[in-house]
N, C-alpha and C. Protein backbone atom coordinates (compact mmCIF):
# COMPACT_ATOMS: atom_id res chain seq x y z
N UNK A 1 -63.69 -94.09 35.78
CA UNK A 1 -64.97 -94.89 36.20
C UNK A 1 -66.02 -95.08 35.30
N UNK A 2 -66.56 -94.19 34.64
CA UNK A 2 -67.22 -94.46 34.13
C UNK A 2 -67.50 -94.86 33.16
N UNK A 3 -66.14 -94.60 32.21
CA UNK A 3 -65.80 -95.19 30.64
C UNK A 3 -65.67 -96.37 31.25
N UNK A 4 -64.84 -96.85 32.30
CA UNK A 4 -65.13 -98.36 32.80
C UNK A 4 -66.27 -99.35 32.76
N UNK A 5 -66.88 -98.52 33.34
CA UNK A 5 -68.37 -98.95 33.87
C UNK A 5 -69.23 -99.26 32.35
N UNK A 6 -68.55 -98.34 31.29
CA UNK A 6 -69.47 -98.10 30.08
C UNK A 6 -68.98 -99.00 29.44
N UNK A 7 -67.88 -99.96 28.95
CA UNK A 7 -67.27 -100.71 29.08
C UNK A 7 -67.45 -102.11 29.40
N UNK A 8 -68.15 -102.09 30.20
CA UNK A 8 -68.67 -103.39 31.22
C UNK A 8 -70.01 -103.54 30.63
N UNK A 9 -70.93 -102.36 30.60
CA UNK A 9 -71.31 -103.01 30.34
C UNK A 9 -71.81 -103.08 28.82
N UNK A 10 -70.67 -103.23 27.86
CA UNK A 10 -70.78 -103.91 26.80
C UNK A 10 -70.19 -104.38 27.11
N UNK A 11 -70.16 -105.63 27.82
CA UNK A 11 -69.39 -106.72 28.11
C UNK A 11 -67.67 -107.08 27.13
N UNK A 12 -67.22 -105.73 27.32
CA UNK A 12 -65.94 -105.28 26.73
C UNK A 12 -65.09 -105.61 26.99
N UNK A 13 -65.02 -105.45 28.57
CA UNK A 13 -63.76 -106.47 29.51
C UNK A 13 -64.80 -106.54 30.76
N UNK A 14 -64.05 -107.49 31.59
CA UNK A 14 -64.86 -108.16 32.09
C UNK A 14 -63.92 -107.99 33.62
N UNK A 15 -64.80 -108.21 35.01
CA UNK A 15 -64.33 -108.19 36.52
C UNK A 15 -63.51 -109.38 36.55
N UNK A 16 -62.62 -109.42 37.18
CA UNK A 16 -62.18 -111.03 37.51
C UNK A 16 -61.90 -111.39 38.85
N UNK A 17 -61.93 -112.20 39.97
CA UNK A 17 -61.34 -111.95 41.08
C UNK A 17 -60.01 -112.37 40.65
N UNK A 18 -59.04 -111.32 41.96
CA UNK A 18 -57.48 -111.84 42.31
C UNK A 18 -57.73 -113.13 42.18
N UNK A 19 -56.22 -113.89 41.96
CA UNK A 19 -55.91 -115.38 41.94
C UNK A 19 -56.36 -115.19 43.61
N UNK A 20 -55.45 -114.05 44.00
CA UNK A 20 -55.89 -115.00 45.99
C UNK A 20 -57.55 -115.15 46.35
N UNK A 21 -58.15 -115.02 45.54
CA UNK A 21 -59.65 -114.85 45.63
C UNK A 21 -59.73 -113.63 46.56
N UNK A 22 -59.35 -112.12 46.96
CA UNK A 22 -59.62 -110.82 47.54
C UNK A 22 -60.48 -110.09 46.57
N UNK A 23 -60.83 -109.20 47.51
CA UNK A 23 -61.76 -108.85 47.46
C UNK A 23 -61.22 -107.41 45.94
N UNK A 24 -60.07 -107.15 46.08
CA UNK A 24 -59.63 -106.71 45.00
C UNK A 24 -59.62 -107.29 43.34
N UNK A 25 -59.85 -105.72 42.39
CA UNK A 25 -60.55 -106.22 41.07
C UNK A 25 -59.25 -106.47 39.90
N UNK A 26 -59.48 -107.02 39.56
CA UNK A 26 -58.74 -106.96 37.71
C UNK A 26 -59.24 -107.70 36.55
N UNK A 27 -59.37 -105.88 36.40
CA UNK A 27 -60.70 -105.72 34.70
C UNK A 27 -59.23 -106.26 34.14
N UNK A 28 -60.30 -106.75 33.21
CA UNK A 28 -59.49 -107.38 31.71
C UNK A 28 -60.29 -107.72 31.02
N UNK A 29 -59.47 -107.68 29.05
CA UNK A 29 -60.48 -107.60 27.82
C UNK A 29 -60.96 -109.44 28.20
N UNK A 30 -62.29 -109.36 27.01
CA UNK A 30 -62.60 -110.35 26.41
C UNK A 30 -61.74 -111.19 25.65
N UNK A 31 -61.07 -112.23 26.04
CA UNK A 31 -60.23 -112.57 24.68
C UNK A 31 -61.25 -112.73 23.78
N UNK A 32 -62.24 -112.69 22.99
CA UNK A 32 -62.31 -112.05 21.04
C UNK A 32 -61.70 -110.81 21.59
N UNK A 33 -62.38 -109.93 22.14
CA UNK A 33 -61.87 -108.88 21.20
C UNK A 33 -60.72 -108.82 22.22
N UNK A 34 -59.58 -109.20 22.99
CA UNK A 34 -58.42 -109.41 22.30
C UNK A 34 -57.87 -109.70 21.41
N UNK A 35 -58.49 -110.87 20.35
CA UNK A 35 -57.93 -111.23 19.37
C UNK A 35 -58.37 -111.08 18.39
N UNK A 36 -59.68 -110.04 18.02
CA UNK A 36 -60.09 -109.10 17.40
C UNK A 36 -59.14 -107.83 16.96
N UNK A 37 -58.58 -107.14 18.47
CA UNK A 37 -58.01 -106.57 17.91
C UNK A 37 -56.54 -106.50 17.61
N UNK A 38 -56.11 -107.77 18.27
CA UNK A 38 -54.83 -107.88 17.26
C UNK A 38 -54.93 -107.99 16.53
N UNK A 39 -55.75 -108.52 15.30
CA UNK A 39 -56.13 -109.35 14.27
C UNK A 39 -55.86 -108.35 13.62
N UNK A 40 -56.51 -107.26 13.86
CA UNK A 40 -56.62 -105.17 13.05
C UNK A 40 -55.44 -104.62 12.92
N UNK A 41 -54.78 -104.82 14.35
CA UNK A 41 -53.59 -104.36 14.13
C UNK A 41 -52.12 -104.96 13.58
N UNK A 42 -52.71 -105.82 13.64
CA UNK A 42 -51.33 -107.19 12.16
C UNK A 42 -51.76 -106.60 10.95
N UNK A 43 -53.10 -106.69 10.81
CA UNK A 43 -53.57 -106.45 9.23
C UNK A 43 -54.03 -105.54 8.83
N UNK A 44 -53.67 -104.14 9.46
CA UNK A 44 -52.92 -102.71 9.39
C UNK A 44 -51.35 -102.57 9.44
N UNK A 45 -50.20 -102.88 10.33
CA UNK A 45 -49.06 -103.17 10.44
C UNK A 45 -48.58 -103.31 9.38
N UNK A 46 -48.99 -104.62 8.20
CA UNK A 46 -49.26 -105.70 7.44
C UNK A 46 -48.98 -104.46 5.77
N UNK A 47 -50.16 -103.68 6.56
CA UNK A 47 -50.32 -102.81 4.51
C UNK A 47 -49.42 -101.95 5.14
N UNK A 48 -49.22 -100.80 5.99
CA UNK A 48 -48.74 -100.15 6.39
C UNK A 48 -47.17 -100.12 6.48
N UNK A 49 -46.78 -101.85 6.36
CA UNK A 49 -45.10 -101.82 5.65
C UNK A 49 -44.58 -101.72 4.18
N UNK A 50 -46.18 -102.84 3.90
CA UNK A 50 -45.87 -103.19 2.70
C UNK A 50 -46.20 -101.36 1.66
N UNK A 51 -47.49 -100.61 1.99
CA UNK A 51 -46.72 -99.73 1.42
C UNK A 51 -46.43 -98.23 1.22
N UNK A 52 -45.31 -98.82 2.82
CA UNK A 52 -44.83 -97.24 3.53
C UNK A 52 -45.45 -96.69 3.77
N UNK A 53 -46.56 -97.13 4.01
CA UNK A 53 -47.34 -95.72 4.38
C UNK A 53 -47.09 -95.43 5.76
N UNK A 54 -46.34 -95.40 6.37
CA UNK A 54 -46.67 -95.51 7.97
C UNK A 54 -47.22 -94.69 8.47
N UNK A 55 -48.42 -94.99 9.99
CA UNK A 55 -49.73 -94.45 11.01
C UNK A 55 -49.27 -95.53 12.32
N UNK A 56 -49.79 -96.69 12.30
CA UNK A 56 -49.28 -97.18 13.06
C UNK A 56 -48.39 -97.13 13.53
N UNK A 57 -47.87 -97.92 13.08
CA UNK A 57 -46.09 -98.56 13.23
C UNK A 57 -45.51 -97.25 13.72
N UNK A 58 -45.86 -95.76 13.31
CA UNK A 58 -45.13 -94.60 14.33
C UNK A 58 -45.60 -94.40 15.20
N UNK A 59 -47.28 -94.43 15.56
CA UNK A 59 -47.65 -94.24 16.93
C UNK A 59 -47.74 -95.01 18.31
N UNK A 60 -47.41 -96.82 17.74
CA UNK A 60 -47.98 -97.85 17.90
C UNK A 60 -46.91 -98.28 18.35
N UNK A 61 -45.55 -98.47 19.46
CA UNK A 61 -45.25 -99.93 19.78
C UNK A 61 -45.59 -101.26 19.74
N UNK A 62 -45.00 -101.87 19.16
CA UNK A 62 -45.40 -103.29 18.49
C UNK A 62 -45.27 -104.39 19.80
N UNK A 63 -43.79 -104.12 20.28
CA UNK A 63 -43.38 -104.34 21.76
C UNK A 63 -42.63 -103.86 22.37
N UNK A 64 -43.58 -104.17 23.71
CA UNK A 64 -42.71 -103.15 24.78
C UNK A 64 -40.86 -103.21 25.42
N UNK A 65 -39.95 -102.40 25.18
CA UNK A 65 -39.43 -102.65 26.03
C UNK A 65 -38.99 -102.60 27.82
N UNK A 66 -39.62 -101.54 28.18
CA UNK A 66 -39.48 -102.09 28.97
C UNK A 66 -40.52 -102.42 30.32
N UNK A 67 -40.21 -104.15 30.28
CA UNK A 67 -42.05 -104.02 30.62
C UNK A 67 -40.66 -105.58 31.48
N UNK A 68 -42.20 -106.51 32.27
CA UNK A 68 -41.07 -107.44 32.57
C UNK A 68 -41.13 -108.33 31.37
N UNK A 69 -40.49 -109.79 31.85
CA UNK A 69 -39.68 -110.07 30.67
C UNK A 69 -41.11 -111.46 29.93
N UNK A 70 -42.10 -111.66 30.30
CA UNK A 70 -42.92 -112.43 30.03
C UNK A 70 -43.83 -111.67 29.61
N UNK A 71 -43.84 -110.10 29.08
CA UNK A 71 -44.72 -109.64 28.40
C UNK A 71 -44.48 -109.53 27.55
N UNK A 72 -42.87 -108.23 27.59
CA UNK A 72 -42.71 -108.81 25.49
C UNK A 72 -42.47 -109.51 25.37
N UNK A 73 -42.48 -110.84 25.80
CA UNK A 73 -42.21 -112.52 24.73
C UNK A 73 -43.70 -112.87 24.46
N UNK A 74 -44.99 -112.70 25.88
CA UNK A 74 -46.37 -112.69 24.60
C UNK A 74 -46.20 -111.62 23.99
N UNK A 75 -46.06 -110.61 23.74
CA UNK A 75 -45.60 -109.42 22.49
C UNK A 75 -45.21 -109.93 21.36
N UNK A 76 -43.85 -110.41 21.43
CA UNK A 76 -43.04 -111.46 20.04
C UNK A 76 -44.55 -112.13 19.38
N UNK A 77 -44.24 -113.12 20.54
CA UNK A 77 -45.01 -114.26 19.96
C UNK A 77 -46.66 -114.23 19.49
N UNK A 78 -47.04 -113.24 19.82
CA UNK A 78 -48.89 -112.72 19.81
C UNK A 78 -48.87 -111.30 18.60
N UNK A 79 -47.61 -110.67 18.31
CA UNK A 79 -47.37 -109.75 17.48
C UNK A 79 -46.60 -109.60 16.48
N UNK A 80 -45.06 -109.53 16.92
CA UNK A 80 -44.30 -109.35 15.66
C UNK A 80 -43.96 -111.03 15.08
N UNK A 81 -44.15 -112.09 15.69
CA UNK A 81 -43.82 -113.07 14.52
C UNK A 81 -45.31 -113.52 13.64
N UNK A 82 -45.81 -113.29 14.31
CA UNK A 82 -47.19 -112.91 12.75
C UNK A 82 -46.90 -112.88 12.29
N UNK A 83 -46.85 -111.03 12.84
CA UNK A 83 -46.80 -110.49 11.72
C UNK A 83 -45.45 -110.54 10.88
N UNK A 84 -44.11 -110.54 10.95
CA UNK A 84 -42.95 -111.85 10.90
C UNK A 84 -43.49 -112.70 9.40
N UNK A 85 -44.40 -113.40 9.81
CA UNK A 85 -45.60 -114.75 8.68
C UNK A 85 -46.12 -114.26 7.65
N UNK A 86 -47.11 -112.70 8.13
CA UNK A 86 -47.48 -111.81 6.58
C UNK A 86 -46.54 -111.47 5.61
N UNK A 87 -45.52 -110.62 6.51
CA UNK A 87 -44.83 -109.65 5.77
C UNK A 87 -44.16 -110.53 4.57
N UNK A 88 -43.68 -112.09 5.02
CA UNK A 88 -42.86 -113.08 4.38
C UNK A 88 -44.26 -113.02 3.42
N UNK A 89 -45.38 -112.94 3.51
CA UNK A 89 -45.50 -113.91 2.54
C UNK A 89 -46.05 -112.42 0.86
N UNK A 90 -45.22 -111.54 0.94
CA UNK A 90 -45.39 -110.50 0.77
C UNK A 90 -43.32 -110.22 -0.44
N UNK A 91 -42.67 -110.73 0.00
CA UNK A 91 -41.67 -111.57 -0.93
C UNK A 91 -41.01 -112.57 -0.68
N UNK A 92 -39.92 -113.12 -2.38
CA UNK A 92 -39.96 -114.52 -2.02
C UNK A 92 -38.43 -114.96 -1.27
N UNK A 93 -37.91 -113.44 -0.15
CA UNK A 93 -37.22 -115.04 0.73
C UNK A 93 -37.36 -113.45 1.64
N UNK A 94 -36.19 -114.47 2.81
CA UNK A 94 -36.61 -113.57 4.14
C UNK A 94 -35.28 -111.79 3.60
N UNK A 95 -34.33 -112.16 3.39
CA UNK A 95 -33.44 -111.14 2.60
C UNK A 95 -34.25 -109.71 2.02
N UNK A 96 -34.88 -110.51 0.84
CA UNK A 96 -35.67 -109.04 0.66
C UNK A 96 -36.73 -108.53 1.05
N UNK A 97 -37.24 -108.94 2.02
CA UNK A 97 -37.28 -108.47 3.68
C UNK A 97 -37.19 -107.33 4.59
N UNK A 98 -35.98 -107.99 4.47
CA UNK A 98 -34.82 -107.44 5.45
C UNK A 98 -34.16 -106.07 4.48
N UNK A 99 -34.50 -106.14 3.41
CA UNK A 99 -34.08 -105.26 2.69
C UNK A 99 -35.33 -104.09 2.43
N UNK A 100 -36.16 -104.61 2.54
CA UNK A 100 -37.68 -103.29 2.46
C UNK A 100 -37.43 -103.11 3.35
N UNK A 101 -36.86 -103.68 4.96
CA UNK A 101 -37.19 -103.05 6.93
C UNK A 101 -36.41 -101.84 6.66
N UNK A 102 -35.31 -102.09 5.61
CA UNK A 102 -34.10 -101.75 6.08
C UNK A 102 -34.41 -100.25 4.50
N UNK A 103 -34.16 -100.06 3.26
CA UNK A 103 -34.95 -99.14 2.78
C UNK A 103 -36.08 -97.92 3.47
N UNK A 104 -37.26 -98.84 4.21
CA UNK A 104 -37.90 -97.98 4.58
C UNK A 104 -37.92 -97.52 6.61
N UNK A 105 -36.14 -97.71 7.34
CA UNK A 105 -35.45 -97.29 7.72
C UNK A 105 -34.76 -95.47 7.51
N UNK A 106 -34.31 -96.11 6.22
CA UNK A 106 -33.37 -94.99 5.19
C UNK A 106 -34.31 -93.88 5.10
N UNK A 107 -35.18 -94.46 4.85
CA UNK A 107 -36.60 -93.07 4.28
C UNK A 107 -36.59 -92.24 5.53
N UNK A 108 -36.34 -92.65 6.68
CA UNK A 108 -37.00 -91.99 8.40
C UNK A 108 -35.84 -91.32 9.16
N UNK A 109 -34.38 -91.95 8.06
CA UNK A 109 -33.73 -91.36 8.73
C UNK A 109 -33.24 -89.84 8.42
N UNK A 110 -34.10 -89.27 7.47
CA UNK A 110 -34.27 -87.65 7.48
C UNK A 110 -35.03 -87.52 7.92
N UNK A 111 -36.26 -87.28 8.52
CA UNK A 111 -36.97 -87.17 9.09
C UNK A 111 -36.67 -86.83 11.02
N UNK A 112 -37.55 -86.59 11.72
CA UNK A 112 -37.22 -85.55 12.40
C UNK A 112 -37.51 -86.85 14.15
N UNK A 113 -37.60 -87.14 14.54
CA UNK A 113 -37.39 -87.77 15.91
C UNK A 113 -39.49 -87.99 16.04
N UNK A 114 -40.13 -86.44 16.40
CA UNK A 114 -41.35 -86.50 16.39
C UNK A 114 -42.13 -87.04 15.32
N UNK A 115 -41.19 -87.03 14.00
CA UNK A 115 -41.95 -87.39 12.60
C UNK A 115 -41.77 -88.83 12.56
N UNK A 116 -41.47 -89.42 13.46
CA UNK A 116 -41.24 -91.24 13.72
C UNK A 116 -41.57 -91.73 14.48
N UNK A 117 -41.78 -91.44 15.65
CA UNK A 117 -41.62 -91.97 16.68
C UNK A 117 -41.35 -93.53 16.47
N UNK A 118 -42.43 -93.97 16.96
CA UNK A 118 -41.98 -95.14 17.24
C UNK A 118 -41.71 -96.33 16.16
N UNK A 119 -41.86 -95.84 14.94
CA UNK A 119 -40.93 -96.87 14.00
C UNK A 119 -39.92 -97.02 13.71
N UNK A 120 -38.92 -96.13 14.09
CA UNK A 120 -37.54 -96.78 14.00
C UNK A 120 -37.51 -98.30 14.89
N UNK A 121 -38.15 -97.69 15.79
CA UNK A 121 -37.77 -98.89 17.15
C UNK A 121 -38.69 -100.47 16.20
N UNK A 122 -39.50 -99.74 15.63
CA UNK A 122 -40.36 -101.41 15.14
C UNK A 122 -39.51 -101.75 14.27
N UNK A 123 -39.48 -101.40 13.29
CA UNK A 123 -38.80 -101.72 12.66
C UNK A 123 -37.55 -102.38 12.77
N UNK A 124 -36.65 -101.73 13.97
CA UNK A 124 -35.42 -102.50 14.07
C UNK A 124 -35.99 -104.44 14.68
N UNK A 125 -36.74 -103.67 15.37
CA UNK A 125 -37.13 -105.26 16.36
C UNK A 125 -37.84 -105.88 15.38
N UNK A 126 -38.54 -106.02 14.01
CA UNK A 126 -38.91 -106.98 13.07
C UNK A 126 -37.50 -107.30 12.81
N UNK A 127 -36.63 -106.70 12.13
CA UNK A 127 -35.41 -107.14 11.36
C UNK A 127 -34.61 -107.69 12.25
N UNK A 128 -34.51 -107.53 13.72
CA UNK A 128 -33.67 -108.04 14.66
C UNK A 128 -34.12 -109.65 14.88
N UNK A 129 -35.47 -109.78 14.59
CA UNK A 129 -36.55 -110.84 15.13
C UNK A 129 -36.03 -112.01 13.60
N UNK A 130 -36.13 -110.83 12.89
CA UNK A 130 -36.26 -110.98 11.59
C UNK A 130 -34.63 -112.16 11.21
N UNK A 131 -33.59 -111.82 11.27
CA UNK A 131 -32.21 -111.99 11.33
C UNK A 131 -31.99 -113.39 12.36
N UNK A 132 -32.35 -112.92 14.04
CA UNK A 132 -32.47 -114.70 15.21
C UNK A 132 -33.47 -115.77 14.03
N UNK A 133 -34.38 -115.26 13.44
CA UNK A 133 -35.41 -116.35 12.96
C UNK A 133 -33.79 -117.03 11.80
N UNK A 134 -33.82 -116.98 11.38
CA UNK A 134 -32.09 -116.71 10.01
C UNK A 134 -31.29 -118.21 10.74
N UNK A 135 -31.02 -116.81 11.75
CA UNK A 135 -30.14 -117.45 12.32
C UNK A 135 -30.09 -119.39 13.15
N UNK A 136 -31.75 -119.60 13.13
CA UNK A 136 -32.29 -120.94 14.12
C UNK A 136 -32.05 -121.41 12.63
N UNK A 137 -32.46 -121.49 11.60
CA UNK A 137 -33.15 -122.17 10.90
C UNK A 137 -31.67 -122.73 10.35
N UNK A 138 -30.44 -121.97 10.34
CA UNK A 138 -29.51 -122.62 9.42
C UNK A 138 -28.33 -123.41 10.75
N UNK A 139 -28.50 -122.34 11.95
CA UNK A 139 -27.98 -123.43 12.79
C UNK A 139 -28.81 -125.12 13.50
N UNK A 140 -30.31 -124.65 13.46
CA UNK A 140 -31.07 -126.35 12.89
C UNK A 140 -30.94 -127.26 11.45
N UNK A 141 -30.12 -126.67 10.71
CA UNK A 141 -29.71 -127.49 9.78
C UNK A 141 -28.92 -128.27 8.87
N UNK A 142 -28.17 -127.18 10.10
CA UNK A 142 -26.60 -127.88 10.63
C UNK A 142 -26.24 -128.98 11.16
N UNK A 143 -27.00 -129.39 12.59
CA UNK A 143 -27.47 -129.48 13.70
C UNK A 143 -27.51 -130.48 13.19
N UNK A 144 -29.27 -130.83 12.21
CA UNK A 144 -29.89 -131.89 12.03
C UNK A 144 -29.19 -132.44 10.99
N UNK A 145 -28.37 -132.16 10.26
CA UNK A 145 -27.90 -132.93 8.92
C UNK A 145 -25.66 -133.88 9.65
N UNK A 146 -25.34 -133.36 10.91
CA UNK A 146 -24.52 -133.12 11.05
C UNK A 146 -25.42 -134.95 11.94
N UNK A 147 -26.24 -135.09 12.35
CA UNK A 147 -26.80 -135.97 13.17
C UNK A 147 -28.09 -137.38 12.38
N UNK A 148 -27.46 -136.50 10.54
CA UNK A 148 -28.24 -137.81 10.06
C UNK A 148 -29.47 -137.82 9.93
N UNK A 149 -30.00 -136.77 10.12
CA UNK A 149 -32.44 -136.19 10.02
C UNK A 149 -31.65 -135.14 9.37
N UNK A 150 -32.02 -134.79 8.56
CA UNK A 150 -32.22 -134.50 7.69
C UNK A 150 -33.77 -134.43 6.51
N UNK A 151 -33.48 -135.63 6.41
CA UNK A 151 -34.85 -136.20 6.10
C UNK A 151 -35.96 -136.53 6.58
N UNK A 152 -35.75 -136.22 7.59
CA UNK A 152 -36.82 -136.43 8.76
C UNK A 152 -37.74 -134.93 8.40
N UNK A 153 -36.75 -134.57 8.94
CA UNK A 153 -36.78 -132.62 9.48
C UNK A 153 -37.49 -131.80 8.14
N UNK A 154 -36.72 -132.05 6.86
CA UNK A 154 -36.71 -131.09 6.36
C UNK A 154 -38.35 -130.14 5.93
N UNK A 155 -39.22 -130.81 6.35
CA UNK A 155 -40.65 -130.17 6.53
C UNK A 155 -40.40 -129.36 7.85
N UNK A 156 -40.12 -129.29 8.33
CA UNK A 156 -40.13 -128.66 9.76
C UNK A 156 -39.28 -127.54 9.18
N UNK A 157 -37.91 -127.36 8.43
CA UNK A 157 -37.40 -126.47 8.52
C UNK A 157 -37.81 -125.83 7.62
N UNK A 158 -38.44 -126.24 6.43
CA UNK A 158 -39.31 -125.73 4.12
C UNK A 158 -39.89 -124.64 5.97
N UNK A 159 -41.03 -125.41 6.71
CA UNK A 159 -42.01 -124.38 7.11
C UNK A 159 -41.02 -123.14 7.92
N UNK A 160 -40.09 -123.89 8.49
CA UNK A 160 -39.35 -122.45 9.05
C UNK A 160 -38.90 -121.72 8.76
N UNK A 161 -37.81 -122.28 7.57
CA UNK A 161 -37.19 -121.27 6.63
C UNK A 161 -38.00 -119.86 6.39
N UNK A 162 -39.38 -119.73 6.05
CA UNK A 162 -40.53 -118.29 6.28
C UNK A 162 -39.69 -117.46 6.43
N UNK A 163 -39.18 -117.80 7.37
CA UNK A 163 -38.55 -116.51 8.46
C UNK A 163 -37.53 -116.88 9.26
């Protein structure tokens, strides 16, 4: 309880009334704090993956699989997709990024579970979402070309083809 009070005194968390306006307490983080922590997480994980020096990637799960769908969807939108976008800036193609993630995964196979922790799951999630976005882009290109709307949608596809 002391820790929560200390965080509240520093304005790092706030107390909000519940949705039904009862006396129950809902502690939340300030949006600026959430944004800052998320940005730092993304920067750190990006560098770890690029340099193959995994720390947070091993100790923190990026997308919680054992949670409600809306929470994992939010984690995918706020963490996984932006991370993929950032990682793609270091590679010419999504295929190169996929290969890099595969190379890291191969290095982890020789290690024990306690040495890899969440790294394998995180790399699998990144690869999986990268593959899904590639498949979606191909599907959109086919549908748009069949509909005769390819030139008008080319800019949208070029932006989304980065992942």
